[in-house]
Amino acid sequence: MKSYDYLISYNIKPSVQRIAIMDYLLAHKTHPSIDEIYLALCKDIPTLSKTTVYNTLKLFVEHGAALMLTIYENNACPRCGKIFPIEYIKNSDKVPLCDVCKSTVIHPGVYLHGEMLSNTVISHAVEEVAKADTILVLGMNLNSSLCKDMLPHFTGKDLIVIHKEPHYLDEKATAAYHGAVSKILPEVAESILDA
């Protein structure tokens, strides 16, 4: 699939910069930094800035078109708790495994979009979604894989969506707000509490 069509499939308006950045991501099956992408593309696109690369990647993640990997210094084994330095992760030829447990993947202590979760975690999440009266979807649209997997189990009253830009699936929500979550959420929470 070409980058143009790929972006359209995620409801992202293609631009020269967005297509070039997606071309780069699709061609390089690594986790490139903003600097790496910028340096690779700035010769061909002189108007490109690091800010544009950052904002474009953020947009891709918000729409589910790309995954973001954030590496922290606290890379702990979820089974035995051993802490690994960042170099251990960076220098690993394959998926970094705990050298004590021999089979446990080293995690940076955060949920990564697209990360495989255990059946226990998924089952518990489905149970909680099914019991909920109200669900808040923050910073992602209803087309994201997380929403697609979880929301069919929601039988509650209100589905409230807060994300940056209007999306065609917003109509499925009880209420949809567009803008920065940090600005809109307090207003929505206040109106819910006042009701």
Protein backbone atom coordinates (compact mmCIF):
# COMPACT_ATOMS: atom_id res chain seq x y z
CA MET A 1 0.00 0.00 0.00
CA LYS A 2 1.34 3.41 -0.92
CA SER A 3 1.78 6.05 1.76
CA TYR A 4 -0.91 8.26 0.25
CA ASP A 5 -3.53 5.49 0.45
CA TYR A 6 -2.28 4.42 3.86
CA LEU A 7 -2.78 7.94 5.23
CA ILE A 8 -6.24 8.20 3.67
CA SER A 9 -7.21 4.88 5.27
CA TYR A 10 -6.48 6.45 8.68
CA ASN A 11 -8.35 9.67 7.87
CA ILE A 12 -5.15 11.69 7.65
CA LYS A 13 -5.06 14.38 4.99
CA PRO A 14 -1.94 13.69 2.89
CA SER A 15 0.64 16.44 2.42
CA VAL A 16 4.13 16.37 0.95
CA GLN A 17 5.69 16.18 4.42
CA ARG A 18 3.24 13.57 5.76
CA ILE A 19 3.71 11.33 2.72
CA ALA A 20 7.51 11.61 2.94
CA ILE A 21 7.53 10.80 6.66
CA MET A 22 5.19 7.84 6.17
CA ASP A 23 7.34 6.65 3.23
CA TYR A 24 10.33 6.73 5.58
CA LEU A 25 8.49 4.82 8.34
CA LEU A 26 7.25 2.16 5.94
CA ALA A 27 10.71 1.74 4.38
CA HIS A 28 12.61 1.58 7.69
CA LYS A 29 11.37 -1.14 10.02
CA THR A 30 13.13 0.39 13.00
CA HIS A 31 12.12 2.86 15.68
CA PRO A 32 13.68 6.02 14.21
CA SER A 33 14.04 9.16 16.28
CA ILE A 34 12.77 12.54 15.16
CA ASP A 35 16.36 13.52 14.40
CA GLU A 36 16.90 10.44 12.21
CA ILE A 37 13.77 11.14 10.18
CA TYR A 38 14.56 14.84 9.88
CA LEU A 39 18.15 14.24 8.73
CA ALA A 40 17.03 11.68 6.17
CA LEU A 41 14.37 13.94 4.64
CA CYS A 42 15.55 17.55 5.06
CA LYS A 43 17.76 17.45 1.94
CA ASP A 44 14.78 16.63 -0.26
CA ILE A 45 12.32 18.81 1.66
CA PRO A 46 14.18 21.99 2.69
CA THR A 47 11.08 23.43 4.40
CA LEU A 48 10.86 20.44 6.76
CA SER A 49 11.56 21.15 10.44
CA LYS A 50 11.98 18.92 13.47
CA THR A 51 8.76 20.41 14.80
CA THR A 52 6.93 19.28 11.66
CA VAL A 53 8.35 15.77 12.05
CA TYR A 54 7.29 15.69 15.72
CA ASN A 55 3.78 16.99 15.02
CA THR A 56 3.36 14.62 12.08
CA LEU A 57 4.42 11.58 14.13
CA LYS A 58 2.08 12.67 16.92
CA LEU A 59 -0.76 12.92 14.38
CA PHE A 60 0.05 9.45 13.02
CA VAL A 61 -0.05 7.97 16.53
CA GLU A 62 -3.30 9.77 17.41
CA HIS A 63 -4.96 8.31 14.31
CA GLY A 64 -3.51 4.83 14.83
CA ALA A 65 -1.37 4.98 11.67
CA ALA A 66 1.90 4.53 13.59
CA LEU A 67 3.07 3.21 16.93
CA MET A 68 5.15 5.18 19.37
CA LEU A 69 7.91 3.62 21.41
CA THR A 70 9.12 5.60 24.39
CA ILE A 71 12.22 4.28 26.10
CA TYR A 72 12.82 5.11 29.74
CA GLU A 73 15.86 4.40 31.87
CA ASN A 74 13.83 2.07 34.10
CA ASN A 75 13.67 -1.00 31.86
CA ALA A 76 12.45 -3.68 34.23
CA CYS A 77 11.63 -7.33 33.72
CA PRO A 78 7.92 -7.72 34.57
CA ARG A 79 8.55 -11.19 36.05
CA CYS A 80 11.65 -10.86 38.26
CA GLY A 81 11.96 -7.07 38.46
CA LYS A 82 15.59 -6.88 37.34
CA ILE A 83 16.47 -3.43 35.98
CA PHE A 84 18.35 -3.20 32.68
CA PRO A 85 20.30 -0.18 31.37
CA ILE A 86 19.11 1.47 28.17
CA GLU A 87 22.18 0.14 26.35
CA TYR A 88 20.93 -3.42 26.94
CA ILE A 89 17.77 -2.56 24.99
CA LYS A 90 19.54 -0.60 22.25
CA ASN A 91 22.25 -3.23 21.69
CA SER A 92 19.87 -6.19 21.55
CA ASP A 93 19.83 -7.85 18.11
CA LYS A 94 16.31 -9.14 18.67
CA VAL A 95 13.52 -8.46 21.16
CA PRO A 96 15.31 -7.76 24.46
CA LEU A 97 14.79 -10.63 26.89
CA CYS A 98 15.57 -10.82 30.58
CA ASP A 99 18.90 -12.59 31.12
CA VAL A 100 17.56 -14.08 34.37
CA CYS A 101 14.15 -15.37 33.22
CA LYS A 102 15.45 -16.09 29.67
CA SER A 103 12.07 -15.63 28.04
CA THR A 104 10.46 -12.51 29.48
CA VAL A 105 10.48 -9.41 27.29
CA ILE A 106 11.99 -6.33 28.95
CA HIS A 107 9.41 -3.56 29.21
CA PRO A 108 9.98 0.13 29.86
CA GLY A 109 7.16 0.13 32.42
CA VAL A 110 4.51 1.64 30.13
CA TYR A 111 1.86 0.28 27.81
CA LEU A 112 2.95 0.58 24.20
CA HIS A 113 0.22 1.02 21.60
CA GLY A 114 0.18 -2.22 19.66
CA GLU A 115 1.83 -4.23 22.43
CA MET A 116 0.47 -7.75 22.92
CA LEU A 117 -1.36 -7.99 26.24
CA SER A 118 -2.02 -11.16 28.19
CA ASN A 119 -5.47 -12.75 28.04
CA THR A 120 -5.91 -12.03 31.76
CA VAL A 121 -5.43 -8.29 31.24
CA ILE A 122 -7.73 -8.25 28.22
CA SER A 123 -10.44 -10.25 30.04
CA HIS A 124 -10.29 -7.92 33.03
CA ALA A 125 -10.51 -4.86 30.78
CA VAL A 126 -13.53 -6.31 28.95
CA GLU A 127 -15.27 -6.99 32.29
CA GLU A 128 -14.66 -3.42 33.47
CA VAL A 129 -15.86 -1.93 30.17
CA ALA A 130 -19.02 -4.07 30.34
CA LYS A 131 -19.76 -2.83 33.90
CA ALA A 132 -19.11 0.85 33.16
CA ASP A 133 -21.93 3.37 33.05
CA THR A 134 -19.78 5.96 31.27
CA ILE A 135 -16.66 5.56 29.11
CA LEU A 136 -14.29 8.42 28.30
CA VAL A 137 -12.18 7.97 25.17
CA LEU A 138 -9.33 10.47 25.48
CA GLY A 139 -6.89 11.46 22.77
CA MET A 140 -7.89 8.82 20.21
CA ASN A 141 -10.79 8.34 17.86
CA LEU A 142 -13.23 5.45 17.85
CA ASN A 143 -11.39 3.88 14.90
CA SER A 144 -8.34 3.05 17.05
CA SER A 145 -7.66 -0.63 17.63
CA LEU A 146 -8.22 -0.26 21.38
CA CYS A 147 -11.69 1.19 20.84
CA LYS A 148 -12.55 -1.37 18.18
CA ASP A 149 -11.65 -4.18 20.58
CA MET A 150 -13.22 -2.85 23.77
CA LEU A 151 -16.27 -0.74 22.91
CA PRO A 152 -18.42 -3.57 21.54
CA HIS A 153 -18.59 -4.79 25.17
CA PHE A 154 -19.83 -1.42 26.45
CA THR A 155 -23.55 -1.44 27.30
CA GLY A 156 -23.57 1.62 29.54
CA LYS A 157 -25.25 4.96 29.08
CA ASP A 158 -22.65 7.50 27.95
CA LEU A 159 -19.70 7.29 25.58
CA ILE A 160 -17.76 10.55 25.64
CA VAL A 161 -14.97 11.19 23.13
CA ILE A 162 -12.35 13.92 23.47
CA HIS A 163 -9.72 14.19 20.76
CA LYS A 164 -8.03 16.80 18.63
CA GLU A 165 -10.06 16.83 15.41
CA PRO A 166 -13.54 15.73 14.30
CA HIS A 167 -13.78 12.14 13.10
CA TYR A 168 -16.56 10.43 11.17
CA LEU A 169 -17.14 7.90 13.98
CA ASP A 170 -17.83 10.68 16.51
CA GLU A 171 -21.52 10.25 15.74
CA LYS A 172 -21.45 6.94 17.64
CA ALA A 173 -20.58 8.80 20.84
CA THR A 174 -23.08 10.36 23.22
CA ALA A 175 -20.89 13.47 23.15
CA ALA A 176 -17.76 14.38 21.19
CA TYR A 177 -15.42 17.25 22.01
CA HIS A 178 -12.56 18.45 19.84
CA GLY A 179 -9.37 20.05 21.09
CA ALA A 180 -6.66 19.41 23.64
CA VAL A 181 -7.70 16.82 26.22
CA SER A 182 -5.95 18.82 28.95
CA LYS A 183 -8.23 21.81 28.27
CA ILE A 184 -11.52 20.05 27.54
CA LEU A 185 -11.51 17.26 30.15
CA PRO A 186 -11.78 19.57 33.19
CA GLU A 187 -14.78 21.32 31.60
CA VAL A 188 -16.48 18.01 30.78
CA ALA A 189 -15.78 16.64 34.28
CA GLU A 190 -17.24 19.78 35.87
CA SER A 191 -20.40 19.57 33.76
CA ILE A 192 -20.82 15.86 34.65
CA LEU A 193 -20.36 16.53 38.36
CA ASP A 194 -22.82 19.46 38.24
CA ALA A 195 -25.48 17.35 36.53
